[in-house]
PDB file of N, CA and C in Angstrom:
ATOM      1  N   MET A   1      61.295  46.661  27.294  1.00  0.00           N
ATOM      2  CA  MET A   1      60.088  46.169  27.901  1.00  0.00           C
ATOM      3  C   MET A   1      58.856  46.870  27.338  1.00  0.00           C
ATOM      4  N   PHE A   2      58.914  48.195  27.262  1.00  0.00           N
ATOM      5  CA  PHE A   2      57.783  48.933  26.709  1.00  0.00           C
ATOM      6  C   PHE A   2      57.644  48.699  25.211  1.00  0.00           C
ATOM      7  N   GLN A   3      58.740  48.301  24.567  1.00  0.00           N
ATOM      8  CA  GLN A   3      58.679  48.002  23.139  1.00  0.00           C
ATOM      9  C   GLN A   3      57.738  46.817  22.897  1.00  0.00           C
ATOM     10  N   PHE A   4      57.810  45.795  23.750  1.00  0.00           N
ATOM     11  CA  PHE A   4      56.899  44.656  23.625  1.00  0.00           C
ATOM     12  C   PHE A   4      55.458  45.087  23.847  1.00  0.00           C
ATOM     13  N   PHE A   5      55.264  46.007  24.771  1.00  0.00           N
ATOM     14  CA  PHE A   5      53.923  46.501  25.061  1.00  0.00           C
ATOM     15  C   PHE A   5      53.309  47.146  23.819  1.00  0.00           C
ATOM     16  N   TYR A   6      54.079  47.981  23.130  1.00  0.00           N
ATOM     17  CA  TYR A   6      53.556  48.658  21.937  1.00  0.00           C
ATOM     18  C   TYR A   6      53.472  47.721  20.738  1.00  0.00           C
ATOM     19  N   GLU A   7      54.424  46.788  20.612  1.00  0.00           N
ATOM     20  CA  GLU A   7      54.378  45.850  19.484  1.00  0.00           C
ATOM     21  C   GLU A   7      53.206  44.886  19.605  1.00  0.00           C
ATOM     22  N   GLY A   8      52.868  44.503  20.831  1.00  0.00           N
ATOM     23  CA  GLY A   8      51.761  43.573  21.042  1.00  0.00           C
ATOM     24  C   GLY A   8      50.400  44.214  20.866  1.00  0.00           C
ATOM     25  N   GLY A   9      50.364  45.525  20.741  1.00  0.00           N
ATOM     26  CA  GLY A   9      49.102  46.249  20.596  1.00  0.00           C
ATOM     27  C   GLY A   9      48.663  46.789  21.944  1.00  0.00           C
ATOM     28  N   TRP A  10      48.647  48.087  22.062  1.00  0.00           N
ATOM     29  CA  TRP A  10      48.397  48.684  23.375  1.00  0.00           C
ATOM     30  C   TRP A  10      47.021  48.384  23.966  1.00  0.00           C
ATOM     31  N   PRO A  11      45.948  48.221  23.171  1.00  0.00           N
ATOM     32  CA  PRO A  11      44.664  47.911  23.833  1.00  0.00           C
ATOM     33  C   PRO A  11      44.670  46.541  24.523  1.00  0.00           C
ATOM     34  N   GLY A  12      45.149  45.539  23.817  1.00  0.00           N
ATOM     35  CA  GLY A  12      45.176  44.193  24.395  1.00  0.00           C
ATOM     36  C   GLY A  12      46.171  44.068  25.526  1.00  0.00           C
ATOM     37  N   MET A  13      47.336  44.666  25.368  1.00  0.00           N
ATOM     38  CA  MET A  13      48.352  44.596  26.411  1.00  0.00           C
ATOM     39  C   MET A  13      47.911  45.383  27.645  1.00  0.00           C
ATOM     40  N   SER A  14      47.149  46.453  27.445  1.00  0.00           N
ATOM     41  CA  SER A  14      46.629  47.208  28.590  1.00  0.00           C
ATOM     42  C   SER A  14      45.628  46.372  29.372  1.00  0.00           C
ATOM     43  N   ILE A  15      44.763  45.668  28.658  1.00  0.00           N
ATOM     44  CA  ILE A  15      43.785  44.814  29.332  1.00  0.00           C
ATOM     45  C   ILE A  15      44.492  43.689  30.082  1.00  0.00           C
ATOM     46  N   LEU A  16      45.521  43.117  29.478  1.00  0.00           N
ATOM     47  CA  LEU A  16      46.276  42.071  30.155  1.00  0.00           C
ATOM     48  C   LEU A  16      46.994  42.618  31.390  1.00  0.00           C
ATOM     49  N   THR A  17      47.488  43.833  31.316  1.00  0.00           N
ATOM     50  CA  THR A  17      48.146  44.436  32.475  1.00  0.00           C
ATOM     51  C   THR A  17      47.141  44.696  33.596  1.00  0.00           C
ATOM     52  N   VAL A  18      45.946  45.141  33.243  1.00  0.00           N
ATOM     53  CA  VAL A  18      44.896  45.322  34.253  1.00  0.00           C
ATOM     54  C   VAL A  18      44.545  43.975  34.885  1.00  0.00           C
ATOM     55  N   GLU A  19      44.526  42.921  34.092  1.00  0.00           N
ATOM     56  CA  GLU A  19      44.258  41.591  34.636  1.00  0.00           C
ATOM     57  C   GLU A  19      45.386  41.140  35.564  1.00  0.00           C
ATOM     58  N   LEU A  20      46.625  41.485  35.245  1.00  0.00           N
ATOM     59  CA  LEU A  20      47.745  41.162  36.137  1.00  0.00           C
ATOM     60  C   LEU A  20      47.616  41.907  37.460  1.00  0.00           C
ATOM     61  N   ILE A  21      47.264  43.177  37.405  1.00  0.00           N
ATOM     62  CA  ILE A  21      47.067  43.951  38.633  1.00  0.00           C
ATOM     63  C   ILE A  21      45.899  43.370  39.434  1.00  0.00           C
ATOM     64  N   GLY A  22      44.824  42.991  38.741  1.00  0.00           N
ATOM     65  CA  GLY A  22      43.691  42.352  39.410  1.00  0.00           C
ATOM     66  C   GLY A  22      44.078  41.023  40.041  1.00  0.00           C
ATOM     67  N   LEU A  23      44.959  40.288  39.377  1.00  0.00           N
ATOM     68  CA  LEU A  23      45.439  39.018  39.924  1.00  0.00           C
ATOM     69  C   LEU A  23      46.213  39.241  41.215  1.00  0.00           C
ATOM     70  N   LEU A  24      47.095  40.223  41.217  1.00  0.00           N
ATOM     71  CA  LEU A  24      47.882  40.502  42.416  1.00  0.00           C
ATOM     72  C   LEU A  24      46.983  41.010  43.546  1.00  0.00           C
ATOM     73  N   PHE A  25      45.982  41.805  43.207  1.00  0.00           N
ATOM     74  CA  PHE A  25      45.033  42.270  44.212  1.00  0.00           C
ATOM     75  C   PHE A  25      44.195  41.107  44.741  1.00  0.00           C
ATOM     76  N   ALA A  26      43.794  40.202  43.857  1.00  0.00           N
ATOM     77  CA  ALA A  26      42.998  39.047  44.272  1.00  0.00           C
ATOM     78  C   ALA A  26      43.814  38.103  45.144  1.00  0.00           C
ATOM     79  N   ALA A  27      45.110  38.015  44.899  1.00  0.00           N
ATOM     80  CA  ALA A  27      45.950  37.163  45.737  1.00  0.00           C
ATOM     81  C   ALA A  27      45.947  37.663  47.171  1.00  0.00           C
ATOM     82  N   TRP A  28      45.733  38.946  47.337  1.00  0.00           N
ATOM     83  CA  TRP A  28      45.726  39.536  48.672  1.00  0.00           C
ATOM     84  C   TRP A  28      44.332  39.519  49.290  1.00  0.00           C
ATOM     85  N   LYS A  29      43.306  39.863  48.510  1.00  0.00           N
ATOM     86  CA  LYS A  29      41.959  40.028  49.050  1.00  0.00           C
ATOM     87  C   LYS A  29      41.001  38.859  48.766  1.00  0.00           C
ATOM     88  N   ALA A  30      41.105  38.242  47.588  1.00  0.00           N
ATOM     89  CA  ALA A  30      40.163  37.189  47.200  1.00  0.00           C
ATOM     90  C   ALA A  30      40.925  36.012  46.593  1.00  0.00           C
ATOM     91  N   PRO A  31      41.574  35.199  47.433  1.00  0.00           N
ATOM     92  CA  PRO A  31      42.426  34.113  46.922  1.00  0.00           C
ATOM     93  C   PRO A  31      41.695  33.082  46.059  1.00  0.00           C
ATOM     94  N   ALA A  32      40.395  32.963  46.197  1.00  0.00           N
ATOM     95  CA  ALA A  32      39.661  31.983  45.396  1.00  0.00           C
ATOM     96  C   ALA A  32      39.580  32.383  43.926  1.00  0.00           C
ATOM     97  N   TRP A  33      39.820  33.640  43.623  1.00  0.00           N
ATOM     98  CA  TRP A  33      39.714  34.115  42.246  1.00  0.00           C
ATOM     99  C   TRP A  33      41.029  34.101  41.492  1.00  0.00           C
ATOM    100  N   VAL A  34      42.101  33.713  42.123  1.00  0.00           N
ATOM    101  CA  VAL A  34      43.424  33.825  41.510  1.00  0.00           C
ATOM    102  C   VAL A  34      43.515  32.995  40.233  1.00  0.00           C
ATOM    103  N   LYS A  35      43.117  31.744  40.303  1.00  0.00           N
ATOM    104  CA  LYS A  35      43.222  30.878  39.130  1.00  0.00           C
ATOM    105  C   LYS A  35      42.287  31.341  38.010  1.00  0.00           C
ATOM    106  N   GLU A  36      41.108  31.811  38.369  1.00  0.00           N
ATOM    107  CA  GLU A  36      40.148  32.262  37.358  1.00  0.00           C
ATOM    108  C   GLU A  36      40.647  33.504  36.627  1.00  0.00           C
ATOM    109  N   ILE A  37      41.255  34.419  37.357  1.00  0.00           N
ATOM    110  CA  ILE A  37      41.802  35.616  36.713  1.00  0.00           C
ATOM    111  C   ILE A  37      42.969  35.229  35.815  1.00  0.00           C
ATOM    112  N   GLY A  38      43.767  34.255  36.236  1.00  0.00           N
ATOM    113  CA  GLY A  38      44.850  33.763  35.387  1.00  0.00           C
ATOM    114  C   GLY A  38      44.327  33.144  34.103  1.00  0.00           C
ATOM    115  N   LEU A  39      43.257  32.370  34.217  1.00  0.00           N
ATOM    116  CA  LEU A  39      42.646  31.789  33.014  1.00  0.00           C
ATOM    117  C   LEU A  39      42.069  32.863  32.103  1.00  0.00           C
ATOM    118  N   LEU A  40      41.478  33.888  32.703  1.00  0.00           N
ATOM    119  CA  LEU A  40      40.955  34.999  31.914  1.00  0.00           C
ATOM    120  C   LEU A  40      42.085  35.686  31.142  1.00  0.00           C
ATOM    121  N   ALA A  41      43.223  35.859  31.783  1.00  0.00           N
ATOM    122  CA  ALA A  41      44.373  36.472  31.109  1.00  0.00           C
ATOM    123  C   ALA A  41      44.875  35.590  29.971  1.00  0.00           C
ATOM    124  N   LEU A  42      44.890  34.287  30.178  1.00  0.00           N
ATOM    125  CA  LEU A  42      45.325  33.372  29.119  1.00  0.00           C
ATOM    126  C   LEU A  42      44.381  33.443  27.922  1.00  0.00           C
ATOM    127  N   ILE A  43      43.097  33.446  28.167  1.00  0.00           N
ATOM    128  CA  ILE A  43      42.114  33.524  27.088  1.00  0.00           C
ATOM    129  C   ILE A  43      42.186  34.885  26.398  1.00  0.00           C
ATOM    130  N   SER A  44      42.347  35.957  27.172  1.00  0.00           N
ATOM    131  CA  SER A  44      42.479  37.297  26.579  1.00  0.00           C
ATOM    132  C   SER A  44      43.709  37.379  25.684  1.00  0.00           C
ATOM    133  N   GLY A  45      44.819  36.821  26.148  1.00  0.00           N
ATOM    134  CA  GLY A  45      46.031  36.804  25.331  1.00  0.00           C
ATOM    135  C   GLY A  45      45.835  36.038  24.038  1.00  0.00           C
ATOM    136  N   PHE A  46      45.121  34.915  24.114  1.00  0.00           N
ATOM    137  CA  PHE A  46      44.840  34.132  22.916  1.00  0.00           C
ATOM    138  C   PHE A  46      43.961  34.915  21.939  1.00  0.00           C
ATOM    139  N   ILE A  47      42.948  35.595  22.457  1.00  0.00           N
ATOM    140  CA  ILE A  47      42.051  36.368  21.594  1.00  0.00           C
ATOM    141  C   ILE A  47      42.811  37.503  20.914  1.00  0.00           C
ATOM    142  N   TYR A  48      43.643  38.224  21.668  1.00  0.00           N
ATOM    143  CA  TYR A  48      44.388  39.325  21.063  1.00  0.00           C
ATOM    144  C   TYR A  48      45.465  38.834  20.108  1.00  0.00           C
ATOM    145  N   THR A  49      45.974  37.617  20.313  1.00  0.00           N
ATOM    146  CA  THR A  49      46.878  37.026  19.328  1.00  0.00           C
ATOM    147  C   THR A  49      46.145  36.749  18.024  1.00  0.00           C
ATOM    148  N   LEU A  50      44.934  36.240  18.135  1.00  0.00           N
ATOM    149  CA  LEU A  50      44.137  36.006  16.925  1.00  0.00           C
ATOM    150  C   LEU A  50      43.824  37.316  16.204  1.00  0.00           C
ATOM    151  N   PHE A  51      43.550  38.387  16.971  1.00  0.00           N
ATOM    152  CA  PHE A  51      43.351  39.693  16.348  1.00  0.00           C
ATOM    153  C   PHE A  51      44.613  40.154  15.628  1.00  0.00           C
ATOM    154  N   GLY A  52      45.763  39.912  16.240  1.00  0.00           N
ATOM    155  CA  GLY A  52      47.030  40.282  15.606  1.00  0.00           C
ATOM    156  C   GLY A  52      47.278  39.495  14.333  1.00  0.00           C
ATOM    157  N   PHE A  53      46.987  38.193  14.352  1.00  0.00           N
ATOM    158  CA  PHE A  53      47.131  37.387  13.135  1.00  0.00           C
ATOM    159  C   PHE A  53      46.170  37.865  12.051  1.00  0.00           C
ATOM    160  N   ARG A  54      44.972  38.254  12.444  1.00  0.00           N
ATOM    161  CA  ARG A  54      44.006  38.759  11.472  1.00  0.00           C
ATOM    162  C   ARG A  54      44.508  40.045  10.830  1.00  0.00           C
ATOM    163  N   GLN A  55      45.056  40.944  11.634  1.00  0.00           N
ATOM    164  CA  GLN A  55      45.598  42.185  11.090  1.00  0.00           C
ATOM    165  C   GLN A  55      46.786  41.908  10.174  1.00  0.00           C
ATOM    166  N   ALA A  56      47.636  40.952  10.556  1.00  0.00           N
ATOM    167  CA  ALA A  56      48.790  40.615   9.720  1.00  0.00           C
ATOM    168  C   ALA A  56      48.338  40.030   8.385  1.00  0.00           C
ATOM    169  N   MET A  57      47.355  39.156   8.411  1.00  0.00           N
ATOM    170  CA  MET A  57      46.867  38.564   7.168  1.00  0.00           C
ATOM    171  C   MET A  57      46.193  39.602   6.277  1.00  0.00           C
ATOM    172  N   HIS A  58      45.506  40.560   6.889  1.00  0.00           N
ATOM    173  CA  HIS A  58      44.885  41.634   6.103  1.00  0.00           C
ATOM    174  C   HIS A  58      45.954  42.504   5.441  1.00  0.00           C
ATOM    175  N   ALA A  59      47.016  42.797   6.164  1.00  0.00           N
ATOM    176  CA  ALA A  59      48.105  43.599   5.588  1.00  0.00           C
ATOM    177  C   ALA A  59      48.799  42.843   4.462  1.00  0.00           C
ATOM    178  N   ILE A  60      48.946  41.535   4.624  1.00  0.00           N
ATOM    179  CA  ILE A  60      49.562  40.724   3.563  1.00  0.00           C
ATOM    180  C   ILE A  60      48.664  40.703   2.336  1.00  0.00           C
ATOM    181  N   GLN A  61      47.365  40.602   2.552  1.00  0.00           N
ATOM    182  CA  GLN A  61      46.423  40.589   1.435  1.00  0.00           C
ATOM    183  C   GLN A  61      46.478  41.903   0.670  1.00  0.00           C
ATOM    184  N   LEU A  62      46.576  43.015   1.381  1.00  0.00           N
ATOM    185  CA  LEU A  62      46.636  44.312   0.716  1.00  0.00           C
ATOM    186  C   LEU A  62      47.959  44.533   0.000  1.00  0.00           C
ATOM    187  N   ALA A  63      49.044  44.056   0.600  1.00  0.00           N
ATOM    188  CA  ALA A  63      50.364  44.298   0.024  1.00  0.00           C
ATOM    189  C   ALA A  63      50.669  43.376  -1.158  1.00  0.00           C
ATOM    190  N   GLY A  64      50.087  42.207  -1.159  1.00  0.00           N
ATOM    191  CA  GLY A  64      50.363  41.269  -2.242  1.00  0.00           C
ATOM    192  C   GLY A  64      51.603  40.443  -1.934  1.00  0.00           C
ATOM    193  N   ASP A  65      52.658  40.651  -2.679  1.00  0.00           N
ATOM    194  CA  ASP A  65      53.890  39.875  -2.521  1.00  0.00           C
ATOM    195  C   ASP A  65      54.777  40.533  -1.461  1.00  0.00           C
ATOM    196  N   ILE A  66      55.076  39.795  -0.382  1.00  0.00           N
ATOM    197  CA  ILE A  66      55.929  40.331   0.682  1.00  0.00           C
ATOM    198  C   ILE A  66      57.067  39.367   0.963  1.00  0.00           C
ATOM    199  N   SER A  67      58.076  39.845   1.678  1.00  0.00           N
ATOM    200  CA  SER A  67      59.214  38.997   2.013  1.00  0.00           C
ATOM    201  C   SER A  67      58.898  38.158   3.254  1.00  0.00           C
ATOM    202  N   LEU A  68      59.652  37.072   3.396  1.00  0.00           N
ATOM    203  CA  LEU A  68      59.448  36.202   4.542  1.00  0.00           C
ATOM    204  C   LEU A  68      59.867  36.862   5.846  1.00  0.00           C
ATOM    205  N   SER A  69      60.857  37.735   5.807  1.00  0.00           N
ATOM    206  CA  SER A  69      61.282  38.401   7.039  1.00  0.00           C
ATOM    207  C   SER A  69      60.183  39.338   7.549  1.00  0.00           C
ATOM    208  N   LEU A  70      59.465  39.972   6.658  1.00  0.00           N
ATOM    209  CA  LEU A  70      58.350  40.821   7.059  1.00  0.00           C
ATOM    210  C   LEU A  70      57.221  39.977   7.663  1.00  0.00           C
ATOM    211  N   LEU A  71      56.969  38.818   7.080  1.00  0.00           N
ATOM    212  CA  LEU A  71      55.951  37.904   7.608  1.00  0.00           C
ATOM    213  C   LEU A  71      56.346  37.400   8.995  1.00  0.00           C
ATOM    214  N   ALA A  72      57.613  37.053   9.174  1.00  0.00           N
ATOM    215  CA  ALA A  72      58.080  36.577  10.480  1.00  0.00           C
ATOM    216  C   ALA A  72      57.980  37.674  11.530  1.00  0.00           C
ATOM    217  N   GLY A  73      58.264  38.908  11.154  1.00  0.00           N
ATOM    218  CA  GLY A  73      58.127  40.022  12.088  1.00  0.00           C
ATOM    219  C   GLY A  73      56.687  40.238  12.512  1.00  0.00           C
ATOM    220  N   GLY A  74      55.760  40.071  11.584  1.00  0.00           N
ATOM    221  CA  GLY A  74      54.344  40.195  11.922  1.00  0.00           C
ATOM    222  C   GLY A  74      53.877  39.096  12.857  1.00  0.00           C
ATOM    223  N   PHE A  75      54.327  37.868  12.620  1.00  0.00           N
ATOM    224  CA  PHE A  75      53.959  36.769  13.509  1.00  0.00           C
ATOM    225  C   PHE A  75      54.581  36.937  14.888  1.00  0.00           C
ATOM    226  N   ARG A  76      55.803  37.489  14.930  1.00  0.00           N
ATOM    227  CA  ARG A  76      56.464  37.728  16.219  1.00  0.00           C
ATOM    228  C   ARG A  76      55.678  38.755  17.029  1.00  0.00           C
ATOM    229  N   ALA A  77      55.277  39.818  16.378  1.00  0.00           N
ATOM    230  CA  ALA A  77      54.512  40.863  17.074  1.00  0.00           C
ATOM    231  C   ALA A  77      53.133  40.354  17.485  1.00  0.00           C
ATOM    232  N   ALA A  78      52.527  39.507  16.665  1.00  0.00           N
ATOM    233  CA  ALA A  78      51.192  38.995  16.982  1.00  0.00           C
ATOM    234  C   ALA A  78      51.221  37.984  18.122  1.00  0.00           C
ATOM    235  N   SER A  79      52.377  37.338  18.353  1.00  0.00           N
ATOM    236  CA  SER A  79      52.442  36.321  19.404  1.00  0.00           C
ATOM    237  C   SER A  79      52.769  36.901  20.783  1.00  0.00           C
ATOM    238  N   ILE A  80      53.060  38.181  20.875  1.00  0.00           N
ATOM    239  CA  ILE A  80      53.409  38.787  22.164  1.00  0.00           C
ATOM    240  C   ILE A  80      52.259  38.711  23.179  1.00  0.00           C
ATOM    241  N   PRO A  81      51.002  39.001  22.817  1.00  0.00           N
ATOM    242  CA  PRO A  81      49.938  38.933  23.831  1.00  0.00           C
ATOM    243  C   PRO A  81      49.730  37.550  24.430  1.00  0.00           C
ATOM    244  N   ILE A  82      49.874  36.493  23.647  1.00  0.00           N
ATOM    245  CA  ILE A  82      49.665  35.164  24.234  1.00  0.00           C
ATOM    246  C   ILE A  82      50.810  34.801  25.161  1.00  0.00           C
ATOM    247  N   LEU A  83      51.999  35.265  24.863  1.00  0.00           N
ATOM    248  CA  LEU A  83      53.112  35.019  25.777  1.00  0.00           C
ATOM    249  C   LEU A  83      52.907  35.763  27.095  1.00  0.00           C
ATOM    250  N   TYR A  84      52.400  36.974  27.021  1.00  0.00           N
ATOM    251  CA  TYR A  84      52.110  37.751  28.226  1.00  0.00           C
ATOM    252  C   TYR A  84      50.974  37.090  29.023  1.00  0.00           C
ATOM    253  N   GLY A  85      49.960  36.610  28.319  1.00  0.00           N
ATOM    254  CA  GLY A  85      48.866  35.893  28.977  1.00  0.00           C
ATOM    255  C   GLY A  85      49.343  34.611  29.639  1.00  0.00           C
ATOM    256  N   LEU A  86      50.250  33.883  28.980  1.00  0.00           N
ATOM    257  CA  LEU A  86      50.816  32.672  29.577  1.00  0.00           C
ATOM    258  C   LEU A  86      51.638  33.000  30.813  1.00  0.00           C
ATOM    259  N   LEU A  87      52.363  34.101  30.773  1.00  0.00           N
ATOM    260  CA  LEU A  87      53.147  34.529  31.930  1.00  0.00           C
ATOM    261  C   LEU A  87      52.230  34.856  33.111  1.00  0.00           C
ATOM    262  N   ILE A  88      51.137  35.559  32.843  1.00  0.00           N
ATOM    263  CA  ILE A  88      50.185  35.893  33.907  1.00  0.00           C
ATOM    264  C   ILE A  88      49.534  34.629  34.455  1.00  0.00           C
ATOM    265  N   TYR A  89      49.204  33.688  33.580  1.00  0.00           N
ATOM    266  CA  TYR A  89      48.609  32.432  34.038  1.00  0.00           C
ATOM    267  C   TYR A  89      49.594  31.640  34.903  1.00  0.00           C
ATOM    268  N   THR A  90      50.865  31.644  34.521  1.00  0.00           N
ATOM    269  CA  THR A  90      51.882  30.960  35.316  1.00  0.00           C
ATOM    270  C   THR A  90      52.018  31.600  36.691  1.00  0.00           C
ATOM    271  N   VAL A  91      51.988  32.912  36.739  1.00  0.00           N
ATOM    272  CA  VAL A  91      52.043  33.616  38.024  1.00  0.00           C
ATOM    273  C   VAL A  91      50.833  33.239  38.878  1.00  0.00           C
ATOM    274  N   SER A  92      49.667  33.131  38.248  1.00  0.00           N
ATOM    275  CA  SER A  92      48.473  32.766  39.013  1.00  0.00           C
ATOM    276  C   SER A  92      48.591  31.352  39.578  1.00  0.00           C
ATOM    277  N   LEU A  93      49.166  30.439  38.808  1.00  0.00           N
ATOM    278  CA  LEU A  93      49.338  29.079  39.313  1.00  0.00           C
ATOM    279  C   LEU A  93      50.350  29.034  40.449  1.00  0.00           C
ATOM    280  N   LEU A  94      51.415  29.818  40.341  1.00  0.00           N
ATOM    281  CA  LEU A  94      52.407  29.864  41.420  1.00  0.00           C
ATOM    282  C   LEU A  94      51.810  30.461  42.692  1.00  0.00           C
ATOM    283  N   ILE A  95      51.050  31.525  42.544  1.00  0.00           N
ATOM    284  CA  ILE A  95      50.397  32.127  43.713  1.00  0.00           C
ATOM    285  C   ILE A  95      49.441  31.131  44.339  1.00  0.00           C
ATOM    286  N   ARG A  96      48.672  30.468  43.517  1.00  0.00           N
ATOM    287  CA  ARG A  96      47.702  29.476  44.020  1.00  0.00           C
ATOM    288  C   ARG A  96      48.419  28.333  44.733  1.00  0.00           C
ATOM    289  N   MET A  97      49.564  27.917  44.194  1.00  0.00           N
ATOM    290  CA  MET A  97      50.322  26.831  44.784  1.00  0.00           C
ATOM    291  C   MET A  97      50.847  27.221  46.173  1.00  0.00           C
ATOM    292  N   PHE A  98      51.311  28.465  46.310  1.00  0.00           N
ATOM    293  CA  PHE A  98      51.824  28.914  47.593  1.00  0.00           C
ATOM    294  C   PHE A  98      50.714  29.224  48.599  1.00  0.00           C
ATOM    295  N   GLN A  99      49.508  29.470  48.138  1.00  0.00           N
ATOM    296  CA  GLN A  99      48.407  29.761  49.033  1.00  0.00           C
ATOM    297  C   GLN A  99      47.709  28.522  49.547  1.00  0.00           C
ATOM    298  N   LYS A 100      47.907  27.389  48.892  1.00  0.00           N
ATOM    299  CA  LYS A 100      47.231  26.168  49.338  1.00  0.00           C
ATOM    300  C   LYS A 100      47.761  25.741  50.705  1.00  0.00           C
ATOM    301  N   PRO A 101      46.890  25.182  51.517  1.00  0.00           N
ATOM    302  CA  PRO A 101      47.355  24.729  52.828  1.00  0.00           C
ATOM    303  C   PRO A 101      48.326  23.554  52.696  1.00  0.00           C
ATOM    304  N   ARG A 102      49.304  23.551  53.538  1.00  0.00           N
ATOM    305  CA  ARG A 102      50.309  22.472  53.538  1.00  0.00           C
ATOM    306  C   ARG A 102      49.775  21.270  54.314  1.00  0.00           C
ATOM    307  N   ILE A 103      50.276  20.112  53.989  1.00  0.00           N
ATOM    308  CA  ILE A 103      49.856  18.883  54.686  1.00  0.00           C
ATOM    309  C   ILE A 103      50.639  18.745  55.980  1.00  0.00           C
TER     310      ILE A 103
END
């Protein structure tokens, strides 16, 4: 679990974790913000994925000729923040769904 945290880049994953904690706190204290915090996490994950792709492309440019397995590993590591952001967004939608008044 912590391996994904470090592979995804600790600054971005830390911000996403703070957003997850904020989401859980908002579910308790400010239910109207749950969906917005989930969207913020999704956008943050997307931005940090783009940063990861940028770093991977820069490393490829510096290295020149690389193997496909190395390229796939870089894309795998760069896609971790968006998956975490999607997970947080899904949690926000589930919380919002359970908080809505029943008919």
